[in-house]
N, C-alpha and C. Protein backbone atom coordinates (compact mmCIF):
# COMPACT_ATOMS: atom_id res chain seq x y z
N MET A 1 -25.76 -34.39 6.98
CA MET A 1 -25.51 -33.14 6.31
C MET A 1 -24.47 -32.38 7.15
N LEU A 2 -23.55 -31.74 6.46
CA LEU A 2 -22.53 -30.94 7.11
C LEU A 2 -22.67 -29.50 6.66
N ILE A 3 -22.74 -28.61 7.62
CA ILE A 3 -22.85 -27.18 7.31
C ILE A 3 -21.68 -26.48 7.99
N THR A 4 -20.99 -25.65 7.24
CA THR A 4 -19.91 -24.85 7.83
C THR A 4 -20.29 -23.39 7.73
N ASP A 5 -20.01 -22.68 8.80
CA ASP A 5 -20.33 -21.25 8.84
C ASP A 5 -19.60 -20.65 10.03
N ARG A 6 -19.34 -19.37 9.98
CA ARG A 6 -18.71 -18.69 11.11
C ARG A 6 -19.71 -18.44 12.24
N GLU A 7 -20.96 -18.32 11.88
CA GLU A 7 -22.01 -18.15 12.88
C GLU A 7 -22.99 -19.30 12.73
N LEU A 8 -23.40 -19.85 13.85
CA LEU A 8 -24.30 -21.01 13.81
C LEU A 8 -25.69 -20.58 13.35
N PRO A 9 -26.15 -21.16 12.23
CA PRO A 9 -27.51 -20.83 11.78
C PRO A 9 -28.55 -21.55 12.63
N THR A 10 -29.76 -21.08 12.59
CA THR A 10 -30.85 -21.74 13.30
C THR A 10 -31.24 -22.98 12.51
N LEU A 11 -31.19 -24.11 13.19
CA LEU A 11 -31.50 -25.38 12.51
C LEU A 11 -32.66 -26.07 13.22
N ALA A 12 -33.46 -26.76 12.44
CA ALA A 12 -34.60 -27.49 13.00
C ALA A 12 -34.10 -28.75 13.70
N GLY A 13 -34.80 -29.18 14.71
CA GLY A 13 -34.45 -30.40 15.41
C GLY A 13 -33.33 -30.18 16.42
N ASP A 14 -32.59 -31.23 16.70
CA ASP A 14 -31.51 -31.17 17.67
C ASP A 14 -30.20 -31.61 16.99
N PRO A 15 -29.60 -30.72 16.19
CA PRO A 15 -28.40 -31.12 15.44
C PRO A 15 -27.18 -31.25 16.35
N ASP A 16 -26.26 -32.11 15.95
CA ASP A 16 -24.96 -32.19 16.63
C ASP A 16 -24.11 -31.05 16.12
N VAL A 17 -23.54 -30.30 17.03
CA VAL A 17 -22.71 -29.16 16.66
C VAL A 17 -21.27 -29.46 17.08
N LEU A 18 -20.39 -29.35 16.14
CA LEU A 18 -18.97 -29.54 16.38
C LEU A 18 -18.30 -28.18 16.17
N ALA A 19 -17.96 -27.53 17.26
CA ALA A 19 -17.34 -26.21 17.17
C ALA A 19 -15.82 -26.37 17.13
N LEU A 20 -15.21 -25.88 16.09
CA LEU A 20 -13.76 -25.95 15.95
C LEU A 20 -13.16 -24.58 16.27
N ARG A 21 -12.05 -24.62 16.96
CA ARG A 21 -11.36 -23.37 17.30
C ARG A 21 -9.96 -23.45 16.73
N PRO A 22 -9.30 -22.31 16.55
CA PRO A 22 -7.91 -22.33 16.09
C PRO A 22 -7.01 -22.98 17.14
N LEU A 23 -5.90 -23.52 16.70
CA LEU A 23 -4.91 -24.07 17.63
C LEU A 23 -4.26 -22.94 18.41
N ASP A 24 -3.95 -23.20 19.67
CA ASP A 24 -3.18 -22.19 20.42
C ASP A 24 -1.70 -22.34 20.02
N ASP A 25 -0.84 -21.47 20.53
CA ASP A 25 0.57 -21.47 20.12
C ASP A 25 1.26 -22.80 20.39
N ASP A 26 1.00 -23.40 21.55
CA ASP A 26 1.63 -24.69 21.87
C ASP A 26 1.17 -25.79 20.92
N GLU A 27 -0.13 -25.82 20.63
CA GLU A 27 -0.66 -26.83 19.72
C GLU A 27 -0.12 -26.63 18.30
N ALA A 28 -0.03 -25.36 17.88
CA ALA A 28 0.51 -25.06 16.56
C ALA A 28 1.97 -25.48 16.47
N ASP A 29 2.76 -25.19 17.51
CA ASP A 29 4.17 -25.60 17.53
C ASP A 29 4.29 -27.13 17.45
N GLN A 30 3.43 -27.82 18.15
CA GLN A 30 3.44 -29.28 18.13
C GLN A 30 3.20 -29.80 16.70
N LEU A 31 2.23 -29.22 16.03
CA LEU A 31 1.93 -29.62 14.66
C LEU A 31 3.09 -29.27 13.72
N ILE A 32 3.63 -28.07 13.86
CA ILE A 32 4.74 -27.66 12.99
C ILE A 32 5.95 -28.58 13.20
N ARG A 33 6.27 -28.89 14.45
CA ARG A 33 7.40 -29.80 14.74
C ARG A 33 7.16 -31.19 14.15
N ALA A 34 5.92 -31.66 14.21
CA ALA A 34 5.60 -32.97 13.66
C ALA A 34 5.77 -32.98 12.13
N LEU A 35 5.43 -31.87 11.49
CA LEU A 35 5.51 -31.78 10.04
C LEU A 35 6.93 -31.50 9.54
N HIS A 36 7.71 -30.73 10.34
CA HIS A 36 9.06 -30.34 9.91
C HIS A 36 9.95 -30.19 11.14
N PRO A 37 10.47 -31.30 11.66
CA PRO A 37 11.25 -31.26 12.90
C PRO A 37 12.51 -30.39 12.82
N GLN A 38 13.08 -30.19 11.63
CA GLN A 38 14.31 -29.41 11.51
C GLN A 38 14.07 -27.90 11.45
N LEU A 39 12.85 -27.46 11.42
CA LEU A 39 12.55 -26.02 11.32
C LEU A 39 12.99 -25.32 12.60
N ASP A 40 13.76 -24.24 12.45
CA ASP A 40 14.27 -23.55 13.63
C ASP A 40 13.18 -22.72 14.31
N ASN A 41 13.46 -22.25 15.51
CA ASN A 41 12.46 -21.52 16.32
C ASN A 41 11.93 -20.28 15.62
N ARG A 42 12.83 -19.53 14.97
CA ARG A 42 12.41 -18.28 14.31
C ARG A 42 11.44 -18.58 13.17
N ALA A 43 11.76 -19.57 12.36
CA ALA A 43 10.88 -19.94 11.24
C ALA A 43 9.56 -20.51 11.74
N ARG A 44 9.63 -21.31 12.81
CA ARG A 44 8.40 -21.88 13.37
C ARG A 44 7.48 -20.77 13.88
N LYS A 45 8.06 -19.76 14.51
CA LYS A 45 7.27 -18.63 15.01
C LYS A 45 6.62 -17.88 13.85
N LYS A 46 7.35 -17.70 12.74
CA LYS A 46 6.77 -17.01 11.58
C LYS A 46 5.60 -17.79 11.00
N VAL A 47 5.74 -19.11 10.91
CA VAL A 47 4.64 -19.94 10.41
C VAL A 47 3.44 -19.81 11.34
N ARG A 48 3.70 -19.91 12.64
CA ARG A 48 2.62 -19.84 13.63
C ARG A 48 1.87 -18.51 13.52
N GLN A 49 2.62 -17.40 13.41
CA GLN A 49 2.00 -16.08 13.33
C GLN A 49 1.22 -15.91 12.03
N ARG A 50 1.74 -16.46 10.96
CA ARG A 50 1.09 -16.30 9.66
C ARG A 50 -0.20 -17.10 9.55
N CYS A 51 -0.25 -18.25 10.21
CA CYS A 51 -1.36 -19.18 9.99
C CYS A 51 -2.52 -19.05 10.97
N ASP A 52 -2.38 -18.24 11.99
CA ASP A 52 -3.48 -17.98 12.93
C ASP A 52 -4.11 -19.23 13.53
N GLY A 53 -3.31 -20.29 13.69
CA GLY A 53 -3.82 -21.49 14.34
C GLY A 53 -4.70 -22.38 13.49
N ILE A 54 -4.75 -22.13 12.18
CA ILE A 54 -5.57 -22.94 11.29
C ILE A 54 -4.74 -24.14 10.82
N PRO A 55 -5.08 -25.36 11.27
CA PRO A 55 -4.25 -26.53 10.97
C PRO A 55 -3.98 -26.77 9.48
N LEU A 56 -5.00 -26.67 8.64
CA LEU A 56 -4.80 -26.90 7.21
C LEU A 56 -3.82 -25.88 6.64
N TYR A 57 -3.94 -24.64 7.05
CA TYR A 57 -3.05 -23.58 6.58
C TYR A 57 -1.62 -23.87 7.07
N ILE A 58 -1.47 -24.30 8.31
CA ILE A 58 -0.14 -24.64 8.83
C ILE A 58 0.47 -25.76 7.98
N GLU A 59 -0.31 -26.79 7.68
CA GLU A 59 0.20 -27.88 6.87
C GLU A 59 0.65 -27.41 5.49
N GLU A 60 -0.12 -26.54 4.87
CA GLU A 60 0.23 -26.04 3.53
C GLU A 60 1.48 -25.16 3.57
N VAL A 61 1.57 -24.28 4.54
CA VAL A 61 2.74 -23.38 4.63
C VAL A 61 4.00 -24.20 4.94
N VAL A 62 3.91 -25.13 5.86
CA VAL A 62 5.08 -25.96 6.19
C VAL A 62 5.50 -26.79 4.97
N ALA A 63 4.54 -27.30 4.20
CA ALA A 63 4.88 -28.05 2.98
C ALA A 63 5.66 -27.17 2.00
N LYS A 64 5.25 -25.92 1.86
CA LYS A 64 5.96 -24.99 0.97
C LYS A 64 7.36 -24.69 1.51
N VAL A 65 7.48 -24.53 2.82
CA VAL A 65 8.79 -24.27 3.43
C VAL A 65 9.71 -25.45 3.17
N ARG A 66 9.20 -26.65 3.30
CA ARG A 66 10.02 -27.87 3.07
C ARG A 66 10.52 -27.96 1.64
N GLU A 67 9.74 -27.45 0.69
CA GLU A 67 10.11 -27.50 -0.73
C GLU A 67 11.24 -26.52 -1.07
N GLN A 68 11.39 -25.48 -0.28
CA GLN A 68 12.37 -24.44 -0.58
C GLN A 68 13.75 -24.82 -0.05
N PRO A 69 14.79 -24.51 -0.82
CA PRO A 69 16.14 -24.75 -0.30
C PRO A 69 16.45 -23.74 0.79
N PRO A 70 17.38 -24.06 1.67
CA PRO A 70 17.77 -23.11 2.71
C PRO A 70 18.23 -21.79 2.08
N THR A 71 17.82 -20.68 2.68
CA THR A 71 18.17 -19.38 2.11
C THR A 71 19.32 -18.72 2.85
N ARG A 72 19.79 -19.35 3.89
CA ARG A 72 20.88 -18.76 4.66
C ARG A 72 22.19 -18.90 3.91
N VAL A 73 22.84 -17.79 3.66
CA VAL A 73 24.14 -17.80 3.01
C VAL A 73 25.15 -17.33 4.03
N PRO A 74 26.21 -18.12 4.28
CA PRO A 74 27.18 -17.69 5.27
C PRO A 74 27.87 -16.40 4.84
N ARG A 75 28.00 -15.49 5.78
CA ARG A 75 28.69 -14.23 5.50
C ARG A 75 30.18 -14.43 5.73
N PRO A 76 31.01 -13.79 4.90
CA PRO A 76 32.45 -13.93 5.12
C PRO A 76 32.84 -13.32 6.45
N ARG A 77 33.77 -13.95 7.10
CA ARG A 77 34.25 -13.43 8.38
C ARG A 77 35.23 -12.30 8.13
N CYS A 78 35.03 -11.22 8.84
CA CYS A 78 35.93 -10.08 8.73
C CYS A 78 37.12 -10.30 9.67
N PRO A 79 38.27 -9.73 9.31
CA PRO A 79 39.43 -9.85 10.18
C PRO A 79 39.24 -9.09 11.48
N THR A 80 40.14 -9.26 12.39
CA THR A 80 40.06 -8.55 13.67
C THR A 80 40.12 -7.05 13.43
N PRO A 81 39.59 -6.25 14.35
CA PRO A 81 39.53 -4.80 14.16
C PRO A 81 40.87 -4.14 13.84
N SER A 82 41.99 -4.68 14.30
CA SER A 82 43.28 -4.03 14.05
C SER A 82 43.64 -4.04 12.57
N THR A 83 43.07 -4.95 11.77
CA THR A 83 43.39 -5.00 10.34
C THR A 83 42.22 -4.58 9.46
N THR A 84 41.15 -4.10 10.05
CA THR A 84 39.95 -3.77 9.29
C THR A 84 40.20 -2.74 8.22
N HIS A 85 41.02 -1.74 8.48
CA HIS A 85 41.21 -0.66 7.52
C HIS A 85 41.91 -1.12 6.24
N SER A 86 42.65 -2.20 6.29
CA SER A 86 43.36 -2.65 5.09
C SER A 86 42.66 -3.80 4.38
N SER A 87 41.53 -4.25 4.87
CA SER A 87 40.84 -5.38 4.26
C SER A 87 39.64 -4.92 3.46
N PRO A 88 39.66 -5.08 2.14
CA PRO A 88 38.50 -4.65 1.34
C PRO A 88 37.27 -5.48 1.67
N GLY A 89 36.12 -4.81 1.70
CA GLY A 89 34.86 -5.50 1.91
C GLY A 89 34.46 -5.67 3.36
N CYS A 90 35.29 -5.31 4.30
CA CYS A 90 34.96 -5.46 5.71
C CYS A 90 35.16 -4.13 6.42
N GLY A 91 34.24 -3.82 7.28
CA GLY A 91 34.39 -2.60 8.08
C GLY A 91 34.33 -1.35 7.23
N ARG A 92 35.11 -0.34 7.62
CA ARG A 92 35.13 0.93 6.90
C ARG A 92 36.06 0.86 5.69
N ALA A 93 35.87 1.80 4.79
CA ALA A 93 36.73 1.88 3.62
C ALA A 93 38.13 2.30 4.06
N PRO A 94 39.18 1.92 3.31
CA PRO A 94 40.53 2.32 3.67
C PRO A 94 40.66 3.84 3.73
N ARG A 95 41.47 4.30 4.67
CA ARG A 95 41.70 5.75 4.79
C ARG A 95 42.68 6.20 3.71
N PRO A 96 42.41 7.34 3.12
CA PRO A 96 43.36 7.86 2.13
C PRO A 96 44.65 8.27 2.82
N ALA A 97 45.74 8.22 2.09
CA ALA A 97 47.02 8.65 2.65
C ALA A 97 46.94 10.13 2.99
N SER A 98 47.68 10.56 4.01
CA SER A 98 47.59 11.94 4.48
C SER A 98 48.05 12.92 3.41
N SER A 99 48.93 12.50 2.48
CA SER A 99 49.40 13.41 1.45
C SER A 99 48.35 13.67 0.38
N SER A 100 47.32 12.83 0.29
CA SER A 100 46.29 13.03 -0.75
C SER A 100 45.14 13.90 -0.25
N ARG A 101 45.18 14.32 0.99
CA ARG A 101 44.10 15.19 1.48
C ARG A 101 44.31 16.61 0.94
N PRO A 102 43.23 17.27 0.56
CA PRO A 102 43.37 18.66 0.07
C PRO A 102 43.80 19.58 1.20
N GLN A 103 44.64 20.52 0.85
CA GLN A 103 45.11 21.51 1.81
C GLN A 103 44.10 22.64 1.91
N ARG A 104 43.91 23.19 3.11
CA ARG A 104 42.98 24.31 3.29
C ARG A 104 43.73 25.57 3.54
């Protein structure tokens, strides 16, 4: 007979007790790396924090991560700062010409 509980109930006789504990960070990292070797450090840390060392939960979360396409989209490179003002979409907006400023 197998009984699972967070607290050990009083049982008759001399039962074998198998106490399971959550994986520590190193053990969780080892499991995550075995399941998904290409996962970067930041993502591995997020999985580890989310799963609280529960191996089955780690396996399920990593399986879902593997199913998803990469979400990183490369950002366009902005020109050097000397040309930032004339390049749309990078840095600050272009400065208006001095003649278009209202007079005070």
